[in-house]
């Protein structure tokens, strides 16, 4: 049975993408891939195979082809590279927008001074996010907002960095993005964020 949750990408030794498929099996150091338009390669050809797992991240293998046809490829694993995009380091681009629930500055609730404040999540990780907003923020500002995925969870984040973006021609400040770190996140909320991150990563990975 094909593991349809595990997408496979095949690269040549120059890291050029040469094929895509789905993982059939990975046993005893042999990767088997199913597909409909796999590269037809000679035996002993060296390739790099990436396997995307929703739960563990992206595993990368340096392999030697055993058999390669249009619809199945078998390769012997020569070396496994470190898994990347694990849970704690996974960061993805997003296009989400939320209205804030509260804004605190110097321990004072100033939410009422920022009506209809909205944040745009540019990227998201389990530890924080990069946002833009329709108001200026300051270092150490604390915002809360309701993140939606499977259910609503209230997230709290502190502004720890301001990225200023300048116009290439006028050299004037165009806008600011804000790097934020999550605070006081319970394990339940962490699990929700993790599920979203891997779902989003899978969407982006499929589109490559």
N, C-alpha and C. Protein backbone atom coordinates (compact mmCIF):
# COMPACT_ATOMS: atom_id res chain seq x y z
N UNK A 1 0.84 -1.20 0.00
CA UNK A 1 0.00 0.00 0.00
C UNK A 1 0.87 1.24 0.00
N UNK A 2 0.56 2.20 -0.86
CA UNK A 2 1.35 3.42 -0.95
C UNK A 2 1.02 4.34 0.22
N UNK A 3 2.07 4.90 0.83
CA UNK A 3 1.88 5.87 1.89
C UNK A 3 1.65 7.23 1.25
N UNK A 4 0.39 7.56 0.99
CA UNK A 4 0.07 8.78 0.25
C UNK A 4 0.36 10.04 1.03
N UNK A 5 0.61 9.91 2.33
CA UNK A 5 0.94 11.09 3.13
C UNK A 5 2.40 11.48 2.98
N UNK A 6 3.20 10.61 2.34
CA UNK A 6 4.63 10.88 2.23
C UNK A 6 5.01 11.14 0.77
N UNK A 7 5.21 12.40 0.48
CA UNK A 7 5.61 12.82 -0.85
C UNK A 7 7.12 12.61 -1.00
N UNK A 8 7.53 12.18 -2.17
CA UNK A 8 8.95 11.95 -2.44
C UNK A 8 9.39 12.83 -3.61
N UNK A 9 10.56 13.45 -3.46
CA UNK A 9 11.16 14.20 -4.56
C UNK A 9 12.55 13.64 -4.82
N UNK A 10 12.89 13.56 -6.10
CA UNK A 10 14.16 12.96 -6.51
C UNK A 10 15.00 14.03 -7.21
N UNK A 11 16.25 14.15 -6.78
CA UNK A 11 17.16 15.15 -7.34
C UNK A 11 18.41 14.45 -7.88
N UNK A 12 19.04 15.07 -8.89
CA UNK A 12 20.33 14.55 -9.31
C UNK A 12 21.40 15.07 -8.34
N UNK A 13 22.65 14.71 -8.57
CA UNK A 13 23.71 15.10 -7.64
C UNK A 13 23.97 16.60 -7.63
N UNK A 14 23.45 17.30 -8.63
CA UNK A 14 23.56 18.75 -8.67
C UNK A 14 22.37 19.44 -8.03
N UNK A 15 21.53 18.65 -7.34
CA UNK A 15 20.33 19.15 -6.66
C UNK A 15 19.27 19.69 -7.62
N UNK A 16 19.26 19.18 -8.85
CA UNK A 16 18.20 19.52 -9.80
C UNK A 16 17.06 18.51 -9.65
N UNK A 17 15.84 19.02 -9.50
CA UNK A 17 14.68 18.15 -9.35
C UNK A 17 14.44 17.38 -10.64
N UNK A 18 14.39 16.05 -10.55
CA UNK A 18 14.20 15.24 -11.75
C UNK A 18 12.96 14.35 -11.68
N UNK A 19 12.28 14.33 -10.54
CA UNK A 19 11.08 13.51 -10.46
C UNK A 19 10.37 13.63 -9.13
N UNK A 20 9.08 13.26 -9.13
CA UNK A 20 8.26 13.27 -7.93
C UNK A 20 7.45 11.98 -7.87
N UNK A 21 7.14 11.55 -6.67
CA UNK A 21 6.30 10.37 -6.50
C UNK A 21 5.80 10.27 -5.08
N UNK A 22 5.42 9.07 -4.70
CA UNK A 22 4.95 8.81 -3.34
C UNK A 22 5.68 7.59 -2.80
N UNK A 23 5.91 7.61 -1.50
CA UNK A 23 6.67 6.54 -0.87
C UNK A 23 5.88 5.25 -0.85
N UNK A 24 6.47 4.20 -1.41
CA UNK A 24 5.88 2.87 -1.35
C UNK A 24 6.35 2.15 -0.10
N UNK A 25 7.67 2.21 0.15
CA UNK A 25 8.21 1.60 1.37
C UNK A 25 9.64 2.08 1.59
N UNK A 26 10.07 1.95 2.83
CA UNK A 26 11.46 2.23 3.21
C UNK A 26 11.85 1.16 4.21
N UNK A 27 12.52 0.13 3.72
CA UNK A 27 12.90 -1.01 4.55
C UNK A 27 14.30 -1.48 4.21
N UNK A 28 15.04 -1.86 5.25
CA UNK A 28 16.38 -2.46 5.07
C UNK A 28 17.27 -1.62 4.17
N UNK A 29 17.18 -0.31 4.32
CA UNK A 29 18.05 0.57 3.55
C UNK A 29 17.68 0.72 2.10
N UNK A 30 16.46 0.33 1.72
CA UNK A 30 16.00 0.47 0.34
C UNK A 30 14.74 1.32 0.31
N UNK A 31 14.77 2.37 -0.51
CA UNK A 31 13.61 3.23 -0.70
C UNK A 31 12.91 2.83 -1.99
N UNK A 32 11.59 2.59 -1.90
CA UNK A 32 10.80 2.28 -3.07
C UNK A 32 9.78 3.39 -3.28
N UNK A 33 9.75 3.91 -4.50
CA UNK A 33 8.90 5.05 -4.83
C UNK A 33 7.97 4.66 -5.97
N UNK A 34 6.70 5.04 -5.84
CA UNK A 34 5.72 4.85 -6.90
C UNK A 34 5.38 6.19 -7.53
N UNK A 35 5.06 6.17 -8.83
CA UNK A 35 4.66 7.38 -9.51
C UNK A 35 4.19 7.07 -10.91
N UNK A 36 3.85 8.11 -11.65
CA UNK A 36 3.38 7.90 -13.02
C UNK A 36 4.33 8.50 -14.05
N UNK A 37 5.30 9.27 -13.58
CA UNK A 37 6.25 9.90 -14.51
C UNK A 37 7.61 10.03 -13.84
N UNK A 38 8.10 8.92 -13.30
CA UNK A 38 9.39 8.93 -12.61
C UNK A 38 10.53 8.92 -13.63
N UNK A 39 11.70 9.42 -13.23
CA UNK A 39 12.84 9.42 -14.16
C UNK A 39 13.34 8.00 -14.41
N UNK A 40 13.65 7.71 -15.64
CA UNK A 40 14.22 6.40 -15.99
C UNK A 40 15.74 6.54 -15.93
N UNK A 41 16.33 5.89 -14.94
CA UNK A 41 17.76 6.06 -14.67
C UNK A 41 18.48 4.72 -14.73
N UNK A 42 19.74 4.78 -15.04
CA UNK A 42 20.56 3.56 -15.10
C UNK A 42 20.87 3.07 -13.69
N UNK A 43 21.08 1.77 -13.58
CA UNK A 43 21.48 1.18 -12.31
C UNK A 43 22.78 1.83 -11.83
N UNK A 44 22.87 2.06 -10.53
CA UNK A 44 24.02 2.64 -9.85
C UNK A 44 24.13 4.17 -10.01
N UNK A 45 23.14 4.79 -10.68
CA UNK A 45 23.12 6.25 -10.74
C UNK A 45 22.92 6.80 -9.34
N UNK A 46 23.67 7.83 -9.00
CA UNK A 46 23.55 8.46 -7.68
C UNK A 46 22.48 9.55 -7.73
N UNK A 47 21.60 9.54 -6.74
CA UNK A 47 20.54 10.54 -6.65
C UNK A 47 20.36 10.96 -5.19
N UNK A 48 19.65 12.04 -5.01
CA UNK A 48 19.25 12.48 -3.67
C UNK A 48 17.74 12.38 -3.60
N UNK A 49 17.25 11.71 -2.57
CA UNK A 49 15.81 11.51 -2.41
C UNK A 49 15.35 12.20 -1.12
N UNK A 50 14.31 13.01 -1.26
CA UNK A 50 13.69 13.66 -0.10
C UNK A 50 12.33 13.04 0.15
N UNK A 51 12.08 12.70 1.41
CA UNK A 51 10.78 12.15 1.81
C UNK A 51 10.16 13.10 2.81
N UNK A 52 8.96 13.58 2.47
CA UNK A 52 8.27 14.50 3.36
C UNK A 52 7.26 13.74 4.21
N UNK A 53 7.39 13.87 5.53
CA UNK A 53 6.45 13.26 6.46
C UNK A 53 5.78 14.36 7.27
N UNK A 54 4.46 14.27 7.38
CA UNK A 54 3.72 15.27 8.15
C UNK A 54 4.14 15.29 9.60
N UNK A 55 4.66 14.17 10.10
CA UNK A 55 4.95 14.07 11.52
C UNK A 55 6.42 14.29 11.86
N UNK A 56 7.33 13.91 10.98
CA UNK A 56 8.75 14.02 11.32
C UNK A 56 9.49 15.08 10.55
N UNK A 57 8.93 15.58 9.46
CA UNK A 57 9.61 16.60 8.68
C UNK A 57 10.11 16.05 7.36
N UNK A 58 11.21 16.62 6.86
CA UNK A 58 11.76 16.22 5.57
C UNK A 58 13.05 15.44 5.79
N UNK A 59 13.06 14.19 5.35
CA UNK A 59 14.25 13.34 5.45
C UNK A 59 14.93 13.31 4.09
N UNK A 60 16.24 13.43 4.10
CA UNK A 60 17.01 13.54 2.85
C UNK A 60 18.04 12.41 2.81
N UNK A 61 18.08 11.69 1.68
CA UNK A 61 18.94 10.52 1.54
C UNK A 61 19.80 10.62 0.27
N UNK A 62 21.05 10.23 0.41
CA UNK A 62 21.93 10.08 -0.74
C UNK A 62 21.85 8.61 -1.14
N UNK A 63 21.44 8.33 -2.37
CA UNK A 63 21.10 6.96 -2.76
C UNK A 63 21.76 6.54 -4.07
N UNK A 64 21.73 5.23 -4.29
CA UNK A 64 22.19 4.64 -5.54
C UNK A 64 21.04 3.84 -6.14
N UNK A 65 20.73 4.13 -7.40
CA UNK A 65 19.60 3.48 -8.05
C UNK A 65 19.85 1.98 -8.23
N UNK A 66 18.82 1.20 -7.92
CA UNK A 66 18.84 -0.23 -8.23
C UNK A 66 18.04 -0.48 -9.51
N UNK A 67 16.77 -0.05 -9.47
CA UNK A 67 15.88 -0.18 -10.62
C UNK A 67 15.10 1.12 -10.75
N UNK A 68 14.94 1.62 -11.97
CA UNK A 68 14.18 2.85 -12.17
C UNK A 68 13.39 2.76 -13.46
N UNK A 69 12.07 2.77 -13.33
CA UNK A 69 11.20 2.77 -14.50
C UNK A 69 10.26 3.98 -14.40
N UNK A 70 9.37 4.08 -15.34
CA UNK A 70 8.45 5.21 -15.37
C UNK A 70 7.52 5.26 -14.16
N UNK A 71 7.20 4.08 -13.60
CA UNK A 71 6.22 4.05 -12.51
C UNK A 71 6.75 3.50 -11.18
N UNK A 72 8.00 3.07 -11.13
CA UNK A 72 8.58 2.66 -9.85
C UNK A 72 10.09 2.85 -9.87
N UNK A 73 10.58 3.27 -8.71
CA UNK A 73 12.02 3.48 -8.55
C UNK A 73 12.45 2.86 -7.23
N UNK A 74 13.49 2.03 -7.27
CA UNK A 74 14.07 1.44 -6.07
C UNK A 74 15.50 1.94 -5.94
N UNK A 75 15.85 2.39 -4.74
CA UNK A 75 17.20 2.94 -4.54
C UNK A 75 17.76 2.48 -3.20
N UNK A 76 19.05 2.18 -3.21
CA UNK A 76 19.76 1.79 -1.99
C UNK A 76 20.26 3.04 -1.28
N UNK A 77 20.00 3.15 0.02
CA UNK A 77 20.43 4.31 0.79
C UNK A 77 21.93 4.19 1.09
N UNK A 78 22.69 5.16 0.61
CA UNK A 78 24.12 5.21 0.88
C UNK A 78 24.38 6.01 2.16
N UNK A 79 23.64 7.11 2.29
CA UNK A 79 23.83 7.99 3.45
C UNK A 79 22.54 8.74 3.73
N UNK A 80 22.24 8.94 5.00
CA UNK A 80 21.09 9.74 5.39
C UNK A 80 21.58 11.06 5.97
N UNK A 81 21.01 12.16 5.47
CA UNK A 81 21.35 13.47 6.00
C UNK A 81 20.48 13.76 7.23
N UNK A 82 20.88 14.72 8.06
CA UNK A 82 20.04 15.07 9.22
C UNK A 82 18.66 15.52 8.78
N UNK A 83 17.64 15.08 9.51
CA UNK A 83 16.27 15.50 9.21
C UNK A 83 16.15 16.99 9.50
N UNK A 84 15.52 17.72 8.59
CA UNK A 84 15.31 19.13 8.85
C UNK A 84 13.82 19.44 8.84
N UNK A 85 13.49 20.63 9.30
CA UNK A 85 12.11 21.08 9.50
C UNK A 85 11.41 20.24 10.55
N UNK A 86 12.12 19.93 11.63
CA UNK A 86 11.46 19.26 12.74
C UNK A 86 10.56 20.23 13.48
N UNK A 87 9.86 19.70 14.45
CA UNK A 87 8.80 20.43 15.13
C UNK A 87 9.24 21.78 15.67
N UNK A 88 10.40 21.83 16.34
CA UNK A 88 10.79 23.07 16.99
C UNK A 88 11.36 24.09 16.02
N UNK A 89 11.82 23.66 14.86
CA UNK A 89 12.45 24.60 13.94
C UNK A 89 11.58 24.91 12.73
N UNK A 90 10.47 24.21 12.57
CA UNK A 90 9.63 24.39 11.40
C UNK A 90 9.05 25.80 11.36
N UNK A 91 9.28 26.48 10.25
CA UNK A 91 8.73 27.82 10.04
C UNK A 91 8.20 27.88 8.63
N UNK A 92 6.98 28.39 8.47
CA UNK A 92 6.37 28.41 7.15
C UNK A 92 5.80 29.79 6.83
N UNK A 93 5.74 30.07 5.53
CA UNK A 93 5.07 31.28 5.07
C UNK A 93 3.56 31.10 5.24
N UNK A 94 2.89 32.17 5.62
CA UNK A 94 1.44 32.11 5.77
C UNK A 94 0.81 33.34 5.13
N UNK A 95 -0.50 33.28 4.97
CA UNK A 95 -1.24 34.43 4.45
C UNK A 95 -2.49 34.65 5.31
N UNK A 96 -2.31 34.53 6.61
CA UNK A 96 -3.42 34.64 7.56
C UNK A 96 -3.52 36.06 8.12
N UNK A 97 -4.73 36.48 8.43
CA UNK A 97 -4.97 37.79 9.04
C UNK A 97 -5.94 37.64 10.20
N UNK A 98 -5.68 38.38 11.27
CA UNK A 98 -6.54 38.32 12.45
C UNK A 98 -6.69 39.71 13.07
N UNK A 99 -7.84 39.95 13.66
CA UNK A 99 -8.00 41.12 14.51
C UNK A 99 -7.45 40.79 15.89
N UNK A 100 -6.80 41.75 16.51
CA UNK A 100 -6.23 41.48 17.83
C UNK A 100 -7.33 41.52 18.89
N UNK A 101 -7.08 40.81 19.98
CA UNK A 101 -7.97 40.85 21.13
C UNK A 101 -7.53 41.91 22.13
N UNK A 102 -6.20 42.07 22.26
CA UNK A 102 -5.68 43.06 23.20
C UNK A 102 -4.28 43.48 22.81
N UNK A 103 -3.90 44.67 23.27
CA UNK A 103 -2.55 45.18 23.08
C UNK A 103 -2.10 45.84 24.38
N UNK A 104 -0.98 45.35 24.91
CA UNK A 104 -0.42 45.90 26.15
C UNK A 104 0.93 46.54 25.86
N UNK A 105 1.15 47.71 26.45
CA UNK A 105 2.43 48.40 26.34
C UNK A 105 2.82 48.90 27.73
N UNK A 106 4.00 48.50 28.17
CA UNK A 106 4.46 48.86 29.52
C UNK A 106 3.43 48.47 30.58
N UNK A 107 2.89 47.25 30.43
CA UNK A 107 1.92 46.68 31.37
C UNK A 107 0.58 47.41 31.40
N UNK A 108 0.34 48.27 30.43
CA UNK A 108 -0.93 49.00 30.37
C UNK A 108 -1.74 48.53 29.17
N UNK A 109 -3.01 48.27 29.39
CA UNK A 109 -3.91 47.85 28.32
C UNK A 109 -4.27 49.08 27.48
N UNK A 110 -3.76 49.12 26.24
CA UNK A 110 -4.02 50.27 25.37
C UNK A 110 -4.83 49.85 24.14
N UNK A 111 -5.54 48.75 24.27
CA UNK A 111 -6.29 48.21 23.13
C UNK A 111 -7.26 49.24 22.55
N UNK A 112 -7.92 49.99 23.41
CA UNK A 112 -8.93 50.95 22.95
C UNK A 112 -8.34 52.06 22.10
N UNK A 113 -7.02 52.27 22.20
CA UNK A 113 -6.37 53.31 21.40
C UNK A 113 -6.03 52.84 19.98
N UNK A 114 -6.28 51.57 19.71
CA UNK A 114 -5.94 50.98 18.41
C UNK A 114 -7.16 50.26 17.84
N UNK A 115 -8.20 51.02 17.47
CA UNK A 115 -9.43 50.38 16.98
C UNK A 115 -9.20 49.61 15.67
N UNK A 116 -9.86 48.46 15.58
CA UNK A 116 -9.80 47.63 14.37
C UNK A 116 -8.36 47.27 13.98
N UNK A 117 -7.54 47.03 14.97
CA UNK A 117 -6.16 46.65 14.67
C UNK A 117 -6.12 45.22 14.14
N UNK A 118 -5.44 45.06 13.03
CA UNK A 118 -5.33 43.75 12.37
C UNK A 118 -3.86 43.40 12.18
N UNK A 119 -3.54 42.13 12.35
CA UNK A 119 -2.19 41.65 12.07
C UNK A 119 -2.23 40.67 10.91
N UNK A 120 -1.20 40.72 10.08
CA UNK A 120 -1.04 39.78 8.97
C UNK A 120 0.15 38.89 9.28
N UNK A 121 -0.08 37.59 9.35
CA UNK A 121 1.00 36.65 9.65
C UNK A 121 1.78 36.35 8.37
N UNK A 122 3.04 36.79 8.34
CA UNK A 122 3.89 36.57 7.16
C UNK A 122 4.57 35.22 7.23
N UNK A 123 5.00 34.84 8.42
CA UNK A 123 5.46 33.47 8.64
C UNK A 123 5.18 33.09 10.09
N UNK A 124 5.18 31.80 10.33
CA UNK A 124 4.77 31.28 11.64
C UNK A 124 5.63 30.09 12.00
N UNK A 125 6.01 30.01 13.27
CA UNK A 125 6.71 28.83 13.79
C UNK A 125 6.12 28.52 15.15
N UNK A 126 6.57 27.42 15.75
CA UNK A 126 6.04 27.05 17.05
C UNK A 126 6.47 28.05 18.11
N UNK A 127 7.54 28.79 17.84
CA UNK A 127 8.05 29.73 18.84
C UNK A 127 7.64 31.17 18.64
N UNK A 128 7.15 31.50 17.44
CA UNK A 128 6.82 32.90 17.19
C UNK A 128 6.32 33.14 15.78
N UNK A 129 6.35 34.41 15.37
CA UNK A 129 5.81 34.77 14.06
C UNK A 129 6.39 36.09 13.60
N UNK A 130 6.31 36.32 12.31
CA UNK A 130 6.64 37.61 11.72
C UNK A 130 5.34 38.19 11.19
N UNK A 131 5.04 39.43 11.59
CA UNK A 131 3.76 40.03 11.22
C UNK A 131 3.94 41.42 10.62
N UNK A 132 2.92 41.86 9.91
CA UNK A 132 2.75 43.27 9.57
C UNK A 132 1.42 43.69 10.19
N UNK A 133 1.21 44.97 10.32
CA UNK A 133 -0.01 45.44 10.96
C UNK A 133 -0.36 46.84 10.47
N UNK A 134 -1.59 47.25 10.73
CA UNK A 134 -2.05 48.57 10.30
C UNK A 134 -1.75 49.66 11.33
N UNK A 135 -1.00 49.31 12.37
CA UNK A 135 -0.54 50.29 13.36
C UNK A 135 0.94 50.05 13.64
N UNK A 136 1.61 51.06 14.16
CA UNK A 136 3.01 50.90 14.56
C UNK A 136 3.08 50.24 15.93
N UNK A 137 4.00 49.31 16.06
CA UNK A 137 4.22 48.64 17.33
C UNK A 137 5.59 49.00 17.88
N UNK A 138 5.79 48.71 19.16
CA UNK A 138 7.07 48.98 19.82
C UNK A 138 7.63 47.68 20.38
N UNK A 139 8.94 47.66 20.58
CA UNK A 139 9.57 46.52 21.23
C UNK A 139 8.94 46.30 22.60
N UNK A 140 8.66 45.05 22.92
CA UNK A 140 8.06 44.60 24.18
C UNK A 140 6.54 44.79 24.24
N UNK A 141 5.93 45.32 23.18
CA UNK A 141 4.46 45.31 23.12
C UNK A 141 3.99 43.86 23.17
N UNK A 142 2.86 43.64 23.81
CA UNK A 142 2.29 42.30 23.90
C UNK A 142 0.90 42.30 23.29
N UNK A 143 0.68 41.42 22.34
CA UNK A 143 -0.62 41.31 21.68
C UNK A 143 -1.21 39.93 21.92
N UNK A 144 -2.52 39.86 21.90
CA UNK A 144 -3.21 38.57 21.93
C UNK A 144 -4.18 38.54 20.75
N UNK A 145 -4.38 37.34 20.21
CA UNK A 145 -5.33 37.17 19.11
C UNK A 145 -5.78 35.72 19.10
N UNK A 146 -6.92 35.48 18.45
CA UNK A 146 -7.47 34.13 18.37
C UNK A 146 -7.06 33.49 17.05
N UNK A 147 -6.24 32.46 17.17
CA UNK A 147 -5.78 31.71 16.00
C UNK A 147 -6.78 30.59 15.73
N UNK A 148 -7.14 30.40 14.47
CA UNK A 148 -8.13 29.38 14.13
C UNK A 148 -7.52 28.28 13.28
N UNK A 149 -7.54 27.07 13.82
CA UNK A 149 -7.24 25.86 13.06
C UNK A 149 -7.80 24.70 13.87
N UNK A 150 -8.80 24.06 13.35
CA UNK A 150 -9.56 23.01 14.04
C UNK A 150 -10.43 23.62 15.14
N UNK A 151 -9.89 24.57 15.88
CA UNK A 151 -10.65 25.30 16.88
C UNK A 151 -9.96 26.64 17.12
N UNK A 152 -10.57 27.50 17.90
CA UNK A 152 -9.96 28.79 18.22
C UNK A 152 -9.07 28.63 19.45
N UNK A 153 -7.86 29.19 19.37
CA UNK A 153 -6.99 29.23 20.54
C UNK A 153 -6.47 30.66 20.69
N UNK A 154 -6.38 31.10 21.92
CA UNK A 154 -5.89 32.45 22.19
C UNK A 154 -4.37 32.42 22.32
N UNK A 155 -3.69 33.20 21.48
CA UNK A 155 -2.24 33.26 21.49
C UNK A 155 -1.77 34.61 22.01
N UNK A 156 -0.67 34.56 22.73
CA UNK A 156 -0.07 35.77 23.30
C UNK A 156 1.35 35.89 22.77
N UNK A 157 1.70 37.07 22.25
CA UNK A 157 3.02 37.23 21.64
C UNK A 157 3.62 38.58 22.00
N UNK A 158 4.94 38.58 22.19
CA UNK A 158 5.67 39.81 22.51
C UNK A 158 6.51 40.23 21.31
N UNK A 159 6.49 41.52 20.99
CA UNK A 159 7.31 42.06 19.90
C UNK A 159 8.76 42.11 20.38
N UNK A 160 9.64 41.40 19.67
CA UNK A 160 11.05 41.37 20.06
C UNK A 160 11.98 41.95 19.00
N UNK A 161 11.42 42.24 17.81
CA UNK A 161 12.27 42.76 16.72
C UNK A 161 11.43 43.59 15.77
N UNK A 162 12.00 44.67 15.26
CA UNK A 162 11.34 45.48 14.25
C UNK A 162 12.21 45.47 13.00
N UNK A 163 11.65 44.98 11.90
CA UNK A 163 12.36 44.95 10.62
C UNK A 163 11.87 46.11 9.76
N UNK A 164 12.74 47.08 9.55
CA UNK A 164 12.38 48.25 8.76
C UNK A 164 12.72 48.01 7.29
N UNK A 165 11.76 48.29 6.42
CA UNK A 165 11.93 48.08 4.98
C UNK A 165 11.90 49.45 4.30
N UNK A 166 12.97 49.74 3.54
CA UNK A 166 13.10 51.06 2.91
C UNK A 166 12.88 50.96 1.40
N UNK A 167 12.37 52.04 0.83
CA UNK A 167 12.17 52.12 -0.61
C UNK A 167 13.53 52.15 -1.31
N UNK A 168 13.70 51.33 -2.34
CA UNK A 168 14.99 51.24 -3.04
C UNK A 168 15.37 52.54 -3.73
N UNK A 169 14.38 53.30 -4.16
CA UNK A 169 14.67 54.54 -4.90
C UNK A 169 14.81 55.75 -3.98
N UNK A 170 13.81 55.96 -3.13
CA UNK A 170 13.82 57.16 -2.29
C UNK A 170 14.61 56.96 -1.00
N UNK A 171 14.86 55.69 -0.65
CA UNK A 171 15.56 55.34 0.59
C UNK A 171 14.75 55.70 1.83
N UNK A 172 13.48 56.04 1.63
CA UNK A 172 12.62 56.36 2.76
C UNK A 172 11.99 55.09 3.32
N UNK A 173 11.62 55.15 4.59
CA UNK A 173 10.99 54.00 5.23
C UNK A 173 9.64 53.71 4.59
N UNK A 174 9.46 52.48 4.10
CA UNK A 174 8.21 52.10 3.46
C UNK A 174 7.23 51.47 4.45
N UNK A 175 7.73 50.52 5.22
CA UNK A 175 6.88 49.85 6.19
C UNK A 175 7.75 49.06 7.16
N UNK A 176 7.12 48.53 8.19
CA UNK A 176 7.83 47.72 9.18
C UNK A 176 7.15 46.37 9.33
N UNK A 177 7.95 45.35 9.52
CA UNK A 177 7.45 44.05 9.95
C UNK A 177 7.94 43.82 11.37
N UNK A 178 7.24 42.96 12.10
CA UNK A 178 7.54 42.79 13.51
C UNK A 178 7.75 41.31 13.84
N UNK A 179 8.92 41.02 14.40
CA UNK A 179 9.19 39.67 14.87
C UNK A 179 8.66 39.51 16.28
N UNK A 180 7.86 38.47 16.49
CA UNK A 180 7.21 38.26 17.79
C UNK A 180 7.52 36.87 18.33
N UNK A 181 7.58 36.78 19.65
CA UNK A 181 7.81 35.51 20.33
C UNK A 181 6.58 35.16 21.15
N UNK A 182 6.11 33.92 21.02
CA UNK A 182 4.94 33.50 21.78
C UNK A 182 5.30 33.35 23.26
N UNK A 183 4.32 33.66 24.11
CA UNK A 183 4.51 33.54 25.55
C UNK A 183 3.37 32.73 26.15
N UNK A 184 3.70 32.00 27.22
CA UNK A 184 2.69 31.28 28.02
C UNK A 184 1.80 30.39 27.16
N UNK A 185 2.42 29.66 26.23
CA UNK A 185 1.62 28.80 25.35
C UNK A 185 1.41 27.43 25.99
N UNK A 186 0.17 27.04 26.25
CA UNK A 186 -0.09 25.71 26.81
C UNK A 186 0.17 24.63 25.77
N UNK A 187 0.34 23.40 26.23
CA UNK A 187 0.67 22.30 25.33
C UNK A 187 -0.42 22.07 24.28
N UNK A 188 -1.68 22.29 24.66
CA UNK A 188 -2.77 22.09 23.70
C UNK A 188 -2.63 23.05 22.52
N UNK A 189 -2.34 24.32 22.82
CA UNK A 189 -2.17 25.32 21.75
C UNK A 189 -0.95 24.99 20.90
N UNK A 190 0.09 24.50 21.54
CA UNK A 190 1.30 24.11 20.80
C UNK A 190 1.00 23.00 19.81
N UNK A 191 0.17 22.05 20.21
CA UNK A 191 -0.19 20.96 19.32
C UNK A 191 -1.00 21.46 18.12
N UNK A 192 -1.90 22.41 18.37
CA UNK A 192 -2.71 22.97 17.28
C UNK A 192 -1.81 23.69 16.28
N UNK A 193 -0.87 24.50 16.79
CA UNK A 193 0.05 25.21 15.91
C UNK A 193 0.89 24.23 15.11
N UNK A 194 1.37 23.18 15.77
CA UNK A 194 2.20 22.18 15.09
C UNK A 194 1.43 21.52 13.95
N UNK A 195 0.19 21.16 14.19
CA UNK A 195 -0.63 20.53 13.15
C UNK A 195 -0.80 21.47 11.96
N UNK A 196 -1.06 22.75 12.26
CA UNK A 196 -1.21 23.71 11.17
C UNK A 196 0.09 23.86 10.38
N UNK A 197 1.21 23.94 11.09
CA UNK A 197 2.50 24.14 10.43
C UNK A 197 2.80 23.02 9.44
N UNK A 198 2.56 21.78 9.84
CA UNK A 198 2.85 20.67 8.94
C UNK A 198 1.86 20.60 7.78
N UNK A 199 0.62 20.96 8.04
CA UNK A 199 -0.35 21.01 6.94
C UNK A 199 0.06 22.07 5.93
N UNK A 200 0.44 23.24 6.42
CA UNK A 200 0.84 24.33 5.54
C UNK A 200 2.14 23.98 4.80
N UNK A 201 3.08 23.37 5.51
CA UNK A 201 4.33 22.97 4.87
C UNK A 201 4.08 21.97 3.75
N UNK A 202 3.14 21.06 3.98
CA UNK A 202 2.80 20.08 2.95
C UNK A 202 2.21 20.77 1.73
N UNK A 203 1.36 21.77 1.94
CA UNK A 203 0.78 22.53 0.83
C UNK A 203 1.87 23.22 0.02
N UNK A 204 2.80 23.86 0.72
CA UNK A 204 3.88 24.57 0.03
C UNK A 204 4.81 23.60 -0.68
N UNK A 205 5.06 22.46 -0.04
CA UNK A 205 5.96 21.45 -0.62
C UNK A 205 5.37 20.87 -1.89
N UNK A 206 4.06 20.65 -1.90
CA UNK A 206 3.40 20.11 -3.09
C UNK A 206 3.48 21.08 -4.26
N UNK A 207 3.47 22.39 -3.94
CA UNK A 207 3.45 23.41 -4.99
C UNK A 207 4.81 23.67 -5.60
N UNK A 208 5.88 23.16 -4.99
CA UNK A 208 7.23 23.43 -5.51
C UNK A 208 7.44 22.75 -6.86
